[in-house]
C-alpha cells in the first residue's frame, strides 16, 4: 500500500471505487476526514451533464459529485466511511487508514507526467503552463502538483481543465504575483478568468447575502483562477492554481479533549487583523469585531473566522473592514476558551457571507 502520510487535496480510493479527497490538515489519529469527489459508474451514476468522467487512459468511467451529493451518498450507502468528529460530536465523511485501498499524491503524479512521452493534448498544455510558471517564478517543479481528474487518469483531453496545486505560503504568494504579471501581458496567453462577466454567465446564483458582482470582484483579485489560450490545441482552458500547505507549515488542531459548541447565527462587521492562513482550506482570518448586526453581543468576543468554503479562500485581507455571517462557535479547550465564526457545510450554506464591507460596485 502507498504511503498514508497525506494532506489536503491528496486522494484516496476505496475497494468499492469511491474516490475521496483529504479535507484539510486536522484529523483524528489513524484516520482522515474527507470530501467525496468521484465514484465508479459501477456504484453511482449521475444525470448531471457535468458529472461524467470517461477520458484519459484509465479505461474506467466515474461520476463527479456536486454540492452535497457525495455526503448523502456515503451516509446512505457506505456508512463505514464515516467518522465521529469528537470535537464537534458529529459524524463526518472519512476513512481509517486500514480502509484505504490506494492513494494518489499530486506532486508524484505531476512528476510522472513530466517523465512520460504522452500524446495527450491536455497533458501537453499542463506542462506548458508549468514551464511558463517555473520560468517566471523561479519556483521548482516539486512546488507543484496536479489535482482533479488528471490525478486519476480519467481527464478528457478536449474538455478537462488545467488543475495545478502550489505548495507553500511563500510559493503561492510568488505565483500570484507572477499570474498578475501574466494577466497584464497581452501576449502571454494568460487571462484572469474573472476579468469579464462570462465566468458566471448563465449560472444559477444561490448566495443570498453575497451578490454576483461582489463575488466577481473578490474572485478577480485572488489571481489563482486563470484562462490559458493554448495555441497547440486551439482551446482556451481554465487554469487553476490551488494553494496547499507545505509539510513544514502543517499543524493539526484536532484534539479530542477540545470541544466546539455551536451557539447561534450571527452577522458581524469586523476588521481583519491576520490573513496569513487565508490561502488554505480551512481559511483562517484573525478578526477584531466592530459591530454585531445580527445575534448576541457574544459575537464581539470572536477572535477568528474559520472557513471550509472554497468560495471564501483568499477572500479578505489584513486591515480590511469586512462583513461575516455564519455560525458563532465556542471552542472549549484545556488551554482556554474562545469564540470563532464558522463557515462550512450547513443547512444555511447559502446564507453564509464573507466579504469586504461597503464595496462600491
Protein backbone atom coordinates (compact mmCIF):
# COMPACT_ATOMS: atom_id res chain seq x y z
CA UNK A 1 0.00 0.00 0.00
CA UNK A 2 1.14 3.55 -0.76
CA UNK A 3 2.23 5.90 1.98
CA UNK A 4 -0.52 7.12 4.27
CA UNK A 5 1.06 10.41 5.23
CA UNK A 6 -1.47 12.60 3.49
CA UNK A 7 -2.60 16.23 3.47
CA UNK A 8 -5.24 18.45 1.90
CA UNK A 9 -6.12 17.51 -1.69
CA UNK A 10 -4.33 14.16 -1.63
CA UNK A 11 -6.55 11.40 -3.00
CA UNK A 12 -7.77 8.11 -1.57
CA UNK A 13 -9.54 5.27 -3.41
CA UNK A 14 -11.61 2.57 -1.72
CA UNK A 15 -12.04 -1.01 -2.88
CA UNK A 16 -15.61 -0.14 -3.99
CA UNK A 17 -14.37 2.59 -6.34
CA UNK A 18 -15.12 5.68 -4.24
CA UNK A 19 -12.59 8.49 -4.56
CA UNK A 20 -12.10 10.75 -1.57
CA UNK A 21 -10.13 13.97 -1.27
CA UNK A 22 -8.36 14.57 2.02
CA UNK A 23 -10.00 17.63 3.56
CA UNK A 24 -7.71 19.99 5.43
CA UNK A 25 -4.91 19.13 7.85
CA UNK A 26 -6.55 18.28 11.19
CA UNK A 27 -7.64 14.64 11.52
CA UNK A 28 -8.31 12.01 14.19
CA UNK A 29 -5.39 9.71 14.90
CA UNK A 30 -5.22 6.89 12.33
CA UNK A 31 -7.88 8.38 10.03
CA UNK A 32 -8.61 11.16 7.55
CA UNK A 33 -11.60 13.46 7.25
CA UNK A 34 -12.57 13.57 3.58
CA UNK A 35 -14.67 15.12 0.86
CA UNK A 36 -16.29 12.68 -1.56
CA UNK A 37 -15.18 13.56 -5.11
CA UNK A 38 -15.99 10.72 -7.51
CA UNK A 39 -17.44 7.22 -7.66
CA UNK A 40 -17.20 4.43 -10.19
CA UNK A 41 -20.09 4.02 -12.59
CA UNK A 42 -20.48 0.52 -11.10
CA UNK A 43 -21.91 2.04 -7.91
CA UNK A 44 -23.05 5.57 -8.81
CA UNK A 45 -24.43 7.35 -11.87
CA UNK A 46 -25.43 10.96 -12.18
CA UNK A 47 -27.82 12.74 -14.55
CA UNK A 48 -25.87 15.95 -14.16
CA UNK A 49 -24.23 16.59 -17.58
CA UNK A 50 -21.12 17.94 -15.81
CA UNK A 51 -20.51 14.75 -13.84
CA UNK A 52 -19.28 12.17 -16.38
CA UNK A 53 -15.56 11.36 -16.33
CA UNK A 54 -14.59 8.91 -19.06
CA UNK A 55 -11.48 10.35 -20.67
CA UNK A 56 -7.78 9.62 -20.35
CA UNK A 57 -6.19 6.19 -20.34
CA UNK A 58 -7.77 4.65 -17.24
CA UNK A 59 -10.42 2.82 -19.25
CA UNK A 60 -12.90 3.34 -16.40
CA UNK A 61 -15.97 5.53 -16.05
CA UNK A 62 -16.51 7.72 -12.99
CA UNK A 63 -19.01 10.37 -12.00
CA UNK A 64 -18.24 13.53 -10.02
CA UNK A 65 -20.32 14.55 -7.01
CA UNK A 66 -21.65 18.10 -6.74
CA UNK A 67 -22.92 20.09 -3.75
CA UNK A 68 -23.94 17.64 -1.00
CA UNK A 69 -24.43 14.61 -3.31
CA UNK A 70 -21.29 12.88 -2.05
CA UNK A 71 -22.18 13.40 1.61
CA UNK A 72 -25.66 11.95 1.08
CA UNK A 73 -24.31 9.04 -0.98
CA UNK A 74 -21.85 7.99 1.71
CA UNK A 75 -24.23 8.28 4.65
CA UNK A 76 -26.95 6.33 2.79
CA UNK A 77 -24.88 3.62 1.11
CA UNK A 78 -21.44 3.39 2.75
CA UNK A 79 -21.71 4.48 6.40
CA UNK A 80 -18.45 2.63 7.10
CA UNK A 81 -16.77 5.67 5.54
CA UNK A 82 -17.90 8.00 8.30
CA UNK A 83 -16.11 9.04 11.48
CA UNK A 84 -17.17 10.62 14.74
CA UNK A 85 -15.59 14.04 14.98
CA UNK A 86 -15.14 14.17 18.74
CA UNK A 87 -14.52 17.90 18.86
CA UNK A 88 -17.86 18.57 17.15
CA UNK A 89 -19.67 15.45 18.40
CA UNK A 90 -21.00 14.79 14.88
CA UNK A 91 -20.47 12.22 12.15
CA UNK A 92 -18.37 13.30 9.16
CA UNK A 93 -17.20 11.62 5.96
CA UNK A 94 -13.83 9.96 6.47
CA UNK A 95 -11.86 6.75 6.50
CA UNK A 96 -9.49 4.97 8.81
CA UNK A 97 -6.16 4.16 7.21
CA UNK A 98 -6.78 0.41 7.02
CA UNK A 99 -9.82 1.01 4.77
CA UNK A 100 -7.85 2.83 2.08
CA UNK A 101 -7.03 0.65 -0.93
CA UNK A 102 -4.95 3.20 -2.87
CA UNK A 103 -3.71 6.76 -2.54
CA UNK A 104 -2.93 9.46 -5.10
CA UNK A 105 -0.46 12.24 -4.40
CA UNK A 106 -0.50 15.29 -6.70
CA UNK A 107 3.24 16.01 -6.64
CA UNK A 108 4.10 12.41 -7.52
CA UNK A 109 1.54 12.36 -10.34
CA UNK A 110 2.91 15.57 -11.86
CA UNK A 111 6.43 14.15 -11.74
CA UNK A 112 5.16 11.09 -13.62
CA UNK A 113 3.54 13.27 -16.27
CA UNK A 114 6.75 15.24 -16.74
CA UNK A 115 8.62 11.98 -17.39
CA UNK A 116 6.06 10.48 -19.77
CA UNK A 117 6.08 10.73 -23.56
CA UNK A 118 2.37 11.45 -23.85
CA UNK A 119 0.41 12.42 -26.99
CA UNK A 120 -2.31 13.82 -24.71
CA UNK A 121 -3.16 17.44 -25.64
CA UNK A 122 -4.22 18.41 -22.13
CA UNK A 123 -1.09 16.97 -20.54
CA UNK A 124 0.94 18.96 -23.05
CA UNK A 125 -0.96 22.12 -22.07
CA UNK A 126 -0.42 21.43 -18.35
CA UNK A 127 3.31 21.02 -18.87
CA UNK A 128 3.44 24.16 -20.99
CA UNK A 129 1.71 26.16 -18.24
CA UNK A 130 4.08 24.64 -15.69
CA UNK A 131 7.10 25.56 -17.82
CA UNK A 132 5.95 29.19 -18.04
CA UNK A 133 5.23 29.25 -14.30
CA UNK A 134 8.68 27.94 -13.42
CA UNK A 135 10.41 30.35 -15.80
CA UNK A 136 8.72 33.45 -14.39
CA UNK A 137 8.54 32.50 -10.70
CA UNK A 138 11.87 30.79 -10.07
CA UNK A 139 9.98 28.00 -8.28
CA UNK A 140 10.75 24.32 -8.79
CA UNK A 141 8.58 21.57 -10.27
CA UNK A 142 8.30 19.92 -6.84
CA UNK A 143 6.43 23.03 -5.63
CA UNK A 144 3.53 21.98 -7.88
CA UNK A 145 1.09 19.08 -8.22
CA UNK A 146 -1.98 18.14 -10.26
CA UNK A 147 -5.45 17.51 -8.88
CA UNK A 148 -8.90 16.71 -10.27
CA UNK A 149 -9.45 14.13 -12.98
CA UNK A 150 -5.84 14.25 -14.19
CA UNK A 151 -4.69 12.93 -10.81
CA UNK A 152 -6.63 9.72 -11.52
CA UNK A 153 -6.09 9.39 -15.28
CA UNK A 154 -9.68 9.90 -16.42
CA UNK A 155 -9.40 13.51 -17.62
CA UNK A 156 -10.71 14.28 -21.11
CA UNK A 157 -8.06 15.84 -23.39
CA UNK A 158 -10.65 18.04 -25.12
CA UNK A 159 -12.79 19.16 -22.20
CA UNK A 160 -10.97 18.92 -18.84
CA UNK A 161 -9.25 21.86 -17.15
CA UNK A 162 -5.69 22.57 -16.04
CA UNK A 163 -5.74 21.92 -12.30
CA UNK A 164 -2.47 22.70 -10.54
CA UNK A 165 -1.61 22.84 -6.85
CA UNK A 166 1.01 25.18 -5.43
CA UNK A 167 2.66 24.04 -2.18
CA UNK A 168 3.68 26.59 0.44
CA UNK A 169 2.64 30.05 1.61
CA UNK A 170 5.62 31.89 0.12
CA UNK A 171 5.29 29.87 -3.07
CA UNK A 172 1.62 30.72 -3.64
CA UNK A 173 2.35 34.39 -2.90
CA UNK A 174 5.07 34.35 -5.57
CA UNK A 175 2.83 32.53 -8.04
CA UNK A 176 0.01 35.04 -7.54
CA UNK A 177 2.47 37.85 -8.25
CA UNK A 178 3.55 36.09 -11.44
CA UNK A 179 -0.03 35.46 -12.53
CA UNK A 180 -0.86 39.13 -12.08
CA UNK A 181 2.03 39.99 -14.40
CA UNK A 182 0.99 37.37 -16.97
CA UNK A 183 -2.61 38.62 -16.98
CA UNK A 184 -1.32 42.15 -17.67
CA UNK A 185 0.78 40.97 -20.60
CA UNK A 186 -1.47 40.74 -23.64
CA UNK A 187 0.95 38.37 -25.37
CA UNK A 188 1.39 35.85 -22.52
CA UNK A 189 -1.59 33.66 -23.37
CA UNK A 190 -2.92 34.06 -19.82
CA UNK A 191 -6.04 35.95 -18.74
CA UNK A 192 -7.87 36.39 -15.44
CA UNK A 193 -10.95 34.15 -15.53
CA UNK A 194 -12.97 36.76 -13.64
CA UNK A 195 -11.98 39.79 -15.72
CA UNK A 196 -15.33 39.59 -17.54
CA UNK A 197 -18.85 38.53 -16.58
CA UNK A 198 -18.61 35.39 -18.75
CA UNK A 199 -17.29 33.44 -15.74
CA UNK A 200 -20.76 33.47 -14.14
CA UNK A 201 -22.97 33.93 -17.21
CA UNK A 202 -25.91 31.53 -17.29
CA UNK A 203 -25.20 30.07 -13.85
CA UNK A 204 -27.81 29.98 -11.11
CA UNK A 205 -26.78 32.22 -8.23
CA UNK A 206 -27.69 30.82 -4.82
CA UNK A 207 -25.96 33.02 -2.26
CA UNK A 208 -28.47 35.26 -0.52
CA UNK A 209 -26.21 37.86 1.12
CA UNK A 210 -23.40 37.94 -1.42
CA UNK A 211 -24.11 39.33 -4.90
CA UNK A 212 -22.68 38.17 -8.23
CA UNK A 213 -20.84 41.49 -8.60
CA UNK A 214 -19.31 41.10 -5.14
CA UNK A 215 -18.29 37.54 -5.97
CA UNK A 216 -16.63 38.62 -9.23
CA UNK A 217 -14.73 41.45 -7.51
CA UNK A 218 -13.32 39.14 -4.84
CA UNK A 219 -12.50 36.31 -7.27
CA UNK A 220 -10.68 38.58 -9.71
CA UNK A 221 -8.20 39.83 -7.13
CA UNK A 222 -7.33 36.32 -5.92
CA UNK A 223 -5.46 35.75 -9.23
CA UNK A 224 -5.42 31.95 -8.84
CA UNK A 225 -8.23 31.46 -11.38
CA UNK A 226 -7.00 31.95 -14.93
CA UNK A 227 -7.60 31.14 -18.56
CA UNK A 228 -4.85 29.85 -20.83
CA UNK A 229 -5.06 30.23 -24.60
CA UNK A 230 -3.41 27.01 -25.75
CA UNK A 231 -2.26 27.50 -29.32
CA UNK A 232 -1.41 23.84 -29.90
CA UNK A 233 -4.91 22.55 -29.17
CA UNK A 234 -6.78 25.72 -30.11
CA UNK A 235 -8.59 25.67 -26.76
CA UNK A 236 -9.00 28.32 -24.12
CA UNK A 237 -8.55 26.25 -20.95
CA UNK A 238 -9.39 27.13 -17.37
CA UNK A 239 -6.18 27.05 -15.33
CA UNK A 240 -6.38 26.99 -11.54
CA UNK A 241 -3.51 27.32 -9.06
CA UNK A 242 -4.83 26.00 -5.74
CA UNK A 243 -2.80 26.65 -2.55
CA UNK A 244 -1.79 23.76 -0.26
CA UNK A 245 0.37 23.93 2.84
CA UNK A 246 3.94 22.70 2.66
CA UNK A 247 4.67 19.89 5.14
CA UNK A 248 6.58 22.26 7.43
CA UNK A 249 3.53 24.57 7.63
CA UNK A 250 1.09 21.92 8.84
CA UNK A 251 -0.10 21.99 12.44
CA UNK A 252 -3.06 19.80 13.38
CA UNK A 253 -5.74 21.40 15.56
CA UNK A 254 -7.56 18.13 16.14
CA UNK A 255 -7.73 17.49 19.89
CA UNK A 256 -10.26 15.05 21.36
CA UNK A 257 -10.13 16.97 24.66
CA UNK A 258 -11.29 20.17 22.96
CA UNK A 259 -14.99 20.69 22.27
CA UNK A 260 -16.53 23.00 19.70
CA UNK A 261 -20.03 24.11 20.69
CA UNK A 262 -22.27 25.85 18.16
CA UNK A 263 -24.03 28.83 19.74
CA UNK A 264 -26.06 30.90 17.28
CA UNK A 265 -26.26 32.51 13.87
CA UNK A 266 -24.51 35.90 13.74
CA UNK A 267 -23.66 38.69 11.34
CA UNK A 268 -20.67 40.81 12.33
CA UNK A 269 -18.76 43.78 10.97
CA UNK A 270 -15.08 43.36 11.80
CA UNK A 271 -11.53 44.37 10.97
CA UNK A 272 -9.13 41.71 9.69
CA UNK A 273 -6.02 41.52 11.87
CA UNK A 274 -4.38 38.41 10.31
CA UNK A 275 -4.66 36.81 6.87
CA UNK A 276 -1.59 34.55 6.59
CA UNK A 277 -3.78 31.43 6.64
CA UNK A 278 -6.28 32.81 4.12
CA UNK A 279 -5.00 30.85 1.08
CA UNK A 280 -5.62 27.41 2.55
CA UNK A 281 -8.53 25.15 3.50
CA UNK A 282 -9.59 25.84 6.13
CA UNK A 283 -9.04 29.55 5.55
CA UNK A 284 -8.47 31.30 8.87
CA UNK A 285 -8.69 35.05 9.37
CA UNK A 286 -7.96 36.79 12.67
CA UNK A 287 -10.59 39.46 13.36
CA UNK A 288 -11.40 42.32 15.72
CA UNK A 289 -15.22 42.66 15.77
CA UNK A 290 -16.57 46.20 15.41
CA UNK A 291 -20.34 45.74 15.36
CA UNK A 292 -22.90 42.94 15.75
CA UNK A 293 -25.55 43.28 13.05
CA UNK A 294 -27.42 40.09 13.96
CA UNK A 295 -27.11 37.87 17.02
CA UNK A 296 -25.99 38.48 20.58
CA UNK A 297 -23.14 40.59 21.94
CA UNK A 298 -21.15 37.37 22.44
CA UNK A 299 -20.14 37.74 18.79
CA UNK A 300 -17.98 40.71 19.82
CA UNK A 301 -15.68 38.17 21.52
CA UNK A 302 -14.96 36.26 18.29
CA UNK A 303 -11.24 36.21 17.52
CA UNK A 304 -11.25 34.50 14.15
CA UNK A 305 -13.22 33.36 11.12
CA UNK A 306 -12.69 29.74 10.04
CA UNK A 307 -13.94 28.87 6.54
CA UNK A 308 -14.11 25.46 4.85
CA UNK A 309 -15.81 27.04 1.83
CA UNK A 310 -13.66 27.34 -1.28
CA UNK A 311 -15.59 30.47 -2.29
CA UNK A 312 -14.02 32.27 0.68
CA UNK A 313 -10.39 31.24 0.27
CA UNK A 314 -8.16 34.35 -0.08
CA UNK A 315 -11.37 36.32 0.36
CA UNK A 316 -10.30 39.17 2.66
CA UNK A 317 -7.04 40.84 3.61
CA UNK A 318 -5.36 42.26 6.68
CA UNK A 319 -6.65 45.71 7.74
CA UNK A 320 -9.80 45.45 5.61
CA UNK A 321 -13.24 46.01 7.18
CA UNK A 322 -15.44 43.02 6.44
CA UNK A 323 -18.88 41.52 6.89
CA UNK A 324 -19.02 37.91 8.06
CA UNK A 325 -22.20 35.88 8.59
CA UNK A 326 -22.31 32.32 9.88
CA UNK A 327 -22.37 30.18 12.99
CA UNK A 328 -20.80 31.51 16.18
CA UNK A 329 -18.96 28.72 17.99
CA UNK A 330 -17.27 28.44 21.35
CA UNK A 331 -14.04 26.47 21.35
CA UNK A 332 -13.68 24.91 24.79
CA UNK A 333 -10.07 23.85 25.23
CA UNK A 334 -7.93 22.80 28.22
CA UNK A 335 -5.75 25.76 27.21
CA UNK A 336 -8.67 28.21 27.42
CA UNK A 337 -11.93 29.05 25.66
CA UNK A 338 -12.53 31.41 22.74
CA UNK A 339 -15.18 32.24 20.13
CA UNK A 340 -14.96 31.86 16.37
CA UNK A 341 -17.31 32.28 13.41
CA UNK A 342 -17.51 29.13 11.28
CA UNK A 343 -18.33 28.99 7.56
CA UNK A 344 -18.90 25.44 6.35
CA UNK A 345 -21.43 22.89 5.09
CA UNK A 346 -24.64 23.55 7.00
CA UNK A 347 -28.40 23.92 6.38
CA UNK A 348 -27.97 27.68 5.81
CA UNK A 349 -24.97 27.27 3.50
CA UNK A 350 -26.02 29.96 1.01
CA UNK A 351 -26.78 32.50 3.73
CA UNK A 352 -23.15 32.48 4.83
CA UNK A 353 -21.11 35.52 3.91
CA UNK A 354 -17.54 36.76 3.98
CA UNK A 355 -16.83 39.94 2.05
CA UNK A 356 -15.24 43.35 2.14
CA UNK A 357 -17.71 45.81 3.66
CA UNK A 358 -19.21 48.76 1.80
CA UNK A 359 -17.96 47.88 -1.68
CA UNK A 360 -18.92 50.46 -4.30
CA UNK A 361 -19.52 48.36 -7.39
